[in-house]
Amino acid sequence: MNGEGITKFLKKLSFIDEVLHSSNFFQDLSLLNPDIFISIQRSSSFFKELKKLKLKKCIVNPHFISLISSYFTTPFPYFRSKKHMSKIALKLVRAINTKHYDKNILKIDFSKVKDFLPNDDSLSKNFLKNLKYEKIIAINPFSNNSEYRGVNFFIKDWLNLARNLAKNHRNFLFILLNFDINPIQINIKESNLKIFVNNDNIASLVSISKKIDFFISVDTGNVHLCDILQIPSLVFISKLAAFRFSGGSYKGKYDSLVVDKGWQKNYRKVFNTFSQKAFLQIKNLN
């Protein structure tokens, strides 16, 4: 998903008034002149540029520059290395007004976040037309970030897993999720195994995701989307990503196979373990 696509999606969220996404970010931020600016970024160059803007209040994570400068507000005590990313973000929000936050945070039902997501069924409605199955299972084998970090299976193994699941559960529809600018495009002819190719519209991904009963995936943005939508999921994920970004934050069912560095030495064993978990999860849907 490119930056422009994400920006379009964010602009459709009812609780967001404006989205800044440009090469002139600091200039745009200066013109906006917010009363409070919160950032999860932690870099010397970023903090130095922020100081030049002379904003009213900047709430940021612990960093050498933020700790020695009165310009920045950093919440204490704060052991960032031990926190999930969602808790890190909320810790910064809490620094706006601690008493108000503590009084009201428990009133928020995060399971309702799914109701605020934009939805566009222009692709999914046509895709699912005339397809009648007991359950719909989506499989996502693609992730640029996971590929870069070396935490993904070979595409041929994902395809074999999808085909075997489809063969063993003819009453279920299995969907491989892909996107139009991906250089890897696949043709599949199985009756209950189809390919959904999304464009750069995240709202279309929301729409198709709302219609699935189970999600199998490598670690990618779709995982967080299904987490918000409370779609039961099985995710192949690295230890670091699992610690920072693992699902289950929105009261949905989430399972994973977590691997550490060097997992590729036991590639076949790891893949077989993941496959067994997938078969068991799908069997339980019957």
Protein backbone atom coordinates (compact mmCIF):
# COMPACT_ATOMS: atom_id res chain seq x y z
CA MET A 1 0.00 0.00 0.00
CA ASN A 2 1.57 3.29 -1.07
CA GLY A 3 1.53 6.49 0.94
CA GLU A 4 -1.12 8.09 -1.22
CA GLY A 5 -3.47 5.14 -0.72
CA ILE A 6 -3.02 5.29 3.05
CA THR A 7 -3.69 9.05 3.01
CA LYS A 8 -6.95 8.56 1.07
CA PHE A 9 -8.03 5.93 3.59
CA LEU A 10 -7.23 8.08 6.62
CA LYS A 11 -9.15 11.02 5.18
CA LYS A 12 -12.27 8.84 5.18
CA LEU A 13 -12.08 8.20 8.92
CA SER A 14 -14.71 10.33 10.61
CA PHE A 15 -12.55 11.14 13.65
CA ILE A 16 -9.63 12.52 11.57
CA ASP A 17 -10.00 16.13 10.39
CA GLU A 18 -6.81 16.53 8.39
CA VAL A 19 -3.95 14.39 7.09
CA LEU A 20 -0.46 15.75 6.48
CA HIS A 21 1.43 13.67 3.94
CA SER A 22 3.98 15.52 1.84
CA SER A 23 7.67 16.11 1.32
CA ASN A 24 7.18 19.44 3.18
CA PHE A 25 5.94 17.82 6.38
CA PHE A 26 7.70 20.18 8.80
CA GLN A 27 6.56 23.23 6.83
CA ASP A 28 2.96 21.98 6.84
CA LEU A 29 3.19 21.21 10.55
CA SER A 30 4.48 24.70 11.25
CA LEU A 31 1.56 26.25 9.37
CA LEU A 32 -0.89 24.06 11.25
CA ASN A 33 0.72 25.19 14.53
CA PRO A 34 -0.96 22.59 16.78
CA ASP A 35 -1.43 23.11 20.51
CA ILE A 36 -0.12 19.57 21.08
CA PHE A 37 2.03 17.43 18.78
CA ILE A 38 2.61 13.75 19.57
CA SER A 39 5.11 11.62 17.68
CA ILE A 40 6.35 8.04 18.04
CA GLN A 41 9.41 8.75 15.88
CA ARG A 42 12.80 8.60 17.61
CA SER A 43 15.71 10.07 15.66
CA SER A 44 18.13 12.91 16.24
CA SER A 45 17.42 14.59 12.90
CA PHE A 46 13.66 14.47 13.49
CA PHE A 47 13.95 16.01 16.95
CA LYS A 48 16.29 18.74 15.70
CA GLU A 49 13.78 19.74 13.01
CA LEU A 50 10.96 19.74 15.57
CA LYS A 51 12.86 22.13 17.83
CA LYS A 52 13.14 24.64 14.99
CA LEU A 53 9.34 24.87 14.75
CA LYS A 54 8.92 26.10 18.34
CA LEU A 55 5.61 24.31 18.80
CA LYS A 56 3.59 24.80 21.98
CA LYS A 57 3.93 21.21 23.25
CA CYS A 58 5.74 18.18 21.83
CA ILE A 59 5.16 14.77 23.44
CA VAL A 60 7.68 12.16 22.32
CA ASN A 61 9.38 8.91 23.29
CA PRO A 62 12.56 8.88 25.39
CA HIS A 63 15.65 9.88 23.44
CA PHE A 64 18.87 11.60 24.40
CA ILE A 65 17.71 14.87 22.82
CA SER A 66 14.20 14.70 24.27
CA LEU A 67 15.55 13.98 27.75
CA ILE A 68 17.98 16.92 27.89
CA SER A 69 15.67 19.50 26.29
CA SER A 70 12.79 21.18 28.12
CA TYR A 71 11.14 21.67 24.73
CA PHE A 72 9.99 18.04 24.74
CA THR A 73 7.62 16.23 27.09
CA THR A 74 8.49 12.60 27.78
CA PRO A 75 6.33 10.49 30.13
CA PHE A 76 8.02 8.90 33.16
CA PRO A 77 8.59 6.24 34.35
CA TYR A 78 8.83 4.77 30.89
CA PHE A 79 10.48 1.48 29.92
CA ARG A 80 9.76 1.58 26.21
CA SER A 81 11.64 -1.64 25.40
CA LYS A 82 9.12 -3.67 27.44
CA LYS A 83 5.96 -2.30 25.78
CA HIS A 84 3.67 -3.32 22.94
CA MET A 85 3.42 -0.56 20.29
CA SER A 86 -0.21 0.21 21.15
CA LYS A 87 0.76 0.80 24.78
CA ILE A 88 3.64 3.03 23.71
CA ALA A 89 1.26 5.22 21.72
CA LEU A 90 -1.29 5.39 24.54
CA LYS A 91 1.44 6.25 27.02
CA LEU A 92 2.18 9.35 24.95
CA VAL A 93 -1.51 10.25 24.73
CA ARG A 94 -1.77 9.92 28.51
CA ALA A 95 0.86 12.65 28.87
CA ILE A 96 -1.62 15.24 27.53
CA ASN A 97 -3.66 15.10 30.73
CA THR A 98 -2.92 12.20 33.05
CA LYS A 99 -5.93 12.61 35.35
CA HIS A 100 -8.39 12.95 32.48
CA TYR A 101 -6.88 9.94 30.70
CA ASP A 102 -6.98 7.68 33.76
CA LYS A 103 -10.57 8.67 34.48
CA ASN A 104 -11.86 7.98 30.96
CA ILE A 105 -9.67 5.35 29.26
CA LEU A 106 -11.65 2.41 30.69
CA LYS A 107 -14.83 3.84 29.19
CA ILE A 108 -13.51 3.24 25.67
CA ASP A 109 -14.60 -0.03 24.06
CA PHE A 110 -11.83 -0.80 21.57
CA SER A 111 -13.89 -3.63 20.10
CA LYS A 112 -16.05 -0.92 18.48
CA VAL A 113 -13.18 0.56 16.44
CA LYS A 114 -14.21 -1.65 13.50
CA ASP A 115 -17.41 0.38 13.13
CA PHE A 116 -15.41 3.47 12.12
CA LEU A 117 -13.48 1.91 9.21
CA PRO A 118 -14.37 3.09 5.68
CA ASN A 119 -15.86 0.39 3.47
CA ASP A 120 -15.86 0.10 -0.32
CA ASP A 121 -17.47 -3.05 -1.77
CA SER A 122 -17.10 -2.10 -5.45
CA LEU A 123 -14.49 -4.87 -5.93
CA SER A 124 -15.56 -7.47 -3.36
CA LYS A 125 -19.24 -7.45 -4.32
CA ASN A 126 -18.48 -8.39 -7.91
CA PHE A 127 -15.75 -10.83 -6.86
CA LEU A 128 -18.04 -12.82 -4.56
CA LYS A 129 -21.04 -12.72 -6.91
CA ASN A 130 -22.54 -16.20 -7.39
CA LEU A 131 -20.03 -17.77 -4.96
CA LYS A 132 -21.89 -19.71 -2.26
CA TYR A 133 -19.85 -21.47 0.44
CA GLU A 134 -20.26 -22.28 4.12
CA LYS A 135 -17.14 -20.38 5.16
CA ILE A 136 -14.67 -18.01 3.51
CA ILE A 137 -10.97 -18.23 4.40
CA ALA A 138 -8.47 -15.63 3.17
CA ILE A 139 -4.76 -16.38 2.78
CA ASN A 140 -2.19 -13.61 2.39
CA PRO A 141 1.34 -14.71 1.41
CA PHE A 142 2.68 -11.28 0.45
CA SER A 143 4.49 -8.70 2.58
CA ASN A 144 7.31 -6.43 1.43
CA ASN A 145 8.44 -5.83 5.00
CA SER A 146 8.48 -9.52 5.93
CA GLU A 147 10.33 -10.35 2.70
CA TYR A 148 12.92 -7.69 3.54
CA ARG A 149 13.39 -9.14 7.02
CA GLY A 150 13.55 -12.71 5.72
CA VAL A 151 10.46 -13.90 7.60
CA ASN A 152 8.26 -15.52 4.99
CA PHE A 153 7.76 -18.84 3.24
CA PHE A 154 8.37 -19.46 -0.45
CA ILE A 155 5.36 -18.55 -2.57
CA LYS A 156 5.20 -22.15 -3.89
CA ASP A 157 4.72 -23.37 -0.30
CA TRP A 158 1.94 -20.86 0.32
CA LEU A 159 0.26 -22.03 -2.89
CA ASN A 160 0.58 -25.68 -1.91
CA LEU A 161 -0.88 -24.91 1.51
CA ALA A 162 -3.81 -23.05 -0.07
CA ARG A 163 -4.45 -25.86 -2.58
CA ASN A 164 -4.29 -28.58 0.09
CA LEU A 165 -6.66 -26.70 2.38
CA ALA A 166 -9.07 -26.13 -0.49
CA LYS A 167 -8.87 -29.79 -1.52
CA ASN A 168 -9.66 -30.97 2.01
CA HIS A 169 -12.51 -28.52 2.58
CA ARG A 170 -14.62 -28.35 -0.59
CA ASN A 171 -17.46 -26.68 1.32
CA PHE A 172 -15.23 -23.65 2.08
CA LEU A 173 -14.09 -20.87 -0.26
CA PHE A 174 -10.39 -20.04 -0.02
CA ILE A 175 -9.17 -16.65 -1.27
CA LEU A 176 -5.56 -15.71 -1.96
CA LEU A 177 -5.14 -11.96 -1.38
CA ASN A 178 -2.94 -10.07 -3.84
CA PHE A 179 -2.57 -6.47 -5.06
CA ASP A 180 -2.42 -5.05 -8.57
CA ILE A 181 1.14 -3.65 -8.52
CA ASN A 182 2.66 -6.84 -7.14
CA PRO A 183 5.09 -8.26 -9.77
CA ILE A 184 3.96 -11.76 -8.69
CA GLN A 185 0.57 -12.51 -10.24
CA ILE A 186 -0.92 -16.01 -10.03
CA ASN A 187 -3.47 -17.96 -12.07
CA ILE A 188 -5.46 -20.60 -10.18
CA LYS A 189 -8.25 -22.77 -11.61
CA GLU A 190 -9.49 -24.66 -8.53
CA SER A 191 -13.25 -24.26 -8.05
CA ASN A 192 -13.07 -23.24 -4.38
CA LEU A 193 -9.73 -21.40 -4.53
CA LYS A 194 -9.83 -17.88 -5.99
CA ILE A 195 -7.57 -14.81 -6.12
CA PHE A 196 -8.71 -11.37 -4.99
CA VAL A 197 -6.54 -8.62 -6.47
CA ASN A 198 -6.95 -5.33 -4.62
CA ASN A 199 -6.04 -1.87 -5.90
CA ASP A 200 -4.57 0.88 -3.72
CA ASN A 201 -7.84 1.33 -1.84
CA ILE A 202 -7.64 0.07 1.76
CA ALA A 203 -11.41 0.48 2.03
CA SER A 204 -11.74 -2.33 -0.54
CA LEU A 205 -9.54 -4.49 1.66
CA VAL A 206 -11.84 -3.67 4.58
CA SER A 207 -14.81 -4.82 2.53
CA ILE A 208 -13.39 -8.21 1.51
CA SER A 209 -12.00 -8.75 5.02
CA LYS A 210 -15.42 -8.22 6.60
CA LYS A 211 -16.74 -11.15 4.58
CA ILE A 212 -14.15 -13.73 5.64
CA ASP A 213 -14.44 -16.16 8.55
CA PHE A 214 -10.75 -16.87 9.06
CA PHE A 215 -7.46 -15.28 8.00
CA ILE A 216 -4.08 -16.97 7.41
CA SER A 217 -1.17 -14.65 6.72
CA VAL A 218 2.43 -13.61 6.91
CA ASP A 219 2.95 -10.50 9.07
CA THR A 220 1.65 -7.49 7.11
CA GLY A 221 -0.86 -4.63 7.28
CA ASN A 222 -3.79 -6.95 6.55
CA VAL A 223 -3.11 -8.63 9.89
CA HIS A 224 -3.76 -5.40 11.81
CA LEU A 225 -6.85 -4.72 9.75
CA CYS A 226 -8.31 -8.16 10.55
CA ASP A 227 -7.34 -7.65 14.19
CA ILE A 228 -9.46 -4.48 14.29
CA LEU A 229 -12.30 -6.28 12.48
CA GLN A 230 -12.01 -9.17 14.99
CA ILE A 231 -11.48 -11.73 12.24
CA PRO A 232 -9.89 -14.87 13.78
CA SER A 233 -6.34 -15.11 12.42
CA LEU A 234 -3.26 -17.31 12.21
CA VAL A 235 -0.09 -15.33 11.53
CA PHE A 236 3.51 -16.25 10.71
CA ILE A 237 5.55 -13.59 12.47
CA SER A 238 9.02 -12.77 13.80
CA LYS A 239 9.72 -12.58 17.53
CA LEU A 240 10.40 -8.82 17.42
CA ALA A 241 7.24 -8.04 15.42
CA ALA A 242 5.17 -10.30 17.69
CA PHE A 243 6.38 -8.38 20.72
CA ARG A 244 5.68 -4.95 19.22
CA PHE A 245 2.70 -5.50 16.95
CA SER A 246 1.00 -8.83 17.72
CA GLY A 247 -2.80 -8.95 17.46
CA GLY A 248 -5.59 -9.57 19.92
CA SER A 249 -5.81 -5.90 20.93
CA TYR A 250 -9.43 -5.53 19.80
CA LYS A 251 -10.98 -8.56 21.55
CA GLY A 252 -10.62 -10.82 18.51
CA LYS A 253 -9.16 -14.35 18.32
CA TYR A 254 -5.51 -14.32 17.34
CA ASP A 255 -3.00 -17.16 16.98
CA SER A 256 0.54 -17.12 15.61
CA LEU A 257 3.69 -19.05 14.92
CA VAL A 258 6.56 -16.92 16.21
CA VAL A 259 10.11 -17.47 14.92
CA ASP A 260 13.44 -16.06 15.98
CA LYS A 261 16.59 -15.31 13.99
CA GLY A 262 17.99 -18.31 12.16
CA TRP A 263 14.62 -20.03 11.76
CA GLN A 264 15.48 -20.72 8.09
CA LYS A 265 17.88 -23.49 9.20
CA ASN A 266 14.77 -25.50 10.07
CA TYR A 267 12.64 -24.09 7.25
CA ARG A 268 10.76 -27.27 6.34
CA LYS A 269 10.00 -28.11 9.97
CA VAL A 270 8.76 -24.56 10.64
CA PHE A 271 6.57 -24.57 7.54
CA ASN A 272 5.10 -27.96 8.43
CA THR A 273 4.30 -26.72 11.94
CA PHE A 274 2.55 -23.66 10.52
CA SER A 275 0.64 -25.84 8.05
CA GLN A 276 -0.52 -28.16 10.83
CA LYS A 277 -1.79 -25.19 12.82
CA ALA A 278 -3.64 -23.93 9.75
CA PHE A 279 -5.27 -27.32 9.08
CA LEU A 280 -6.33 -27.61 12.73
CA GLN A 281 -7.82 -24.10 12.79
CA ILE A 282 -9.79 -24.70 9.57
CA LYS A 283 -10.98 -28.09 10.83
CA ASN A 284 -12.38 -26.39 13.93
CA LEU A 285 -14.49 -24.12 11.72
CA ASN A 286 -16.63 -27.07 10.60
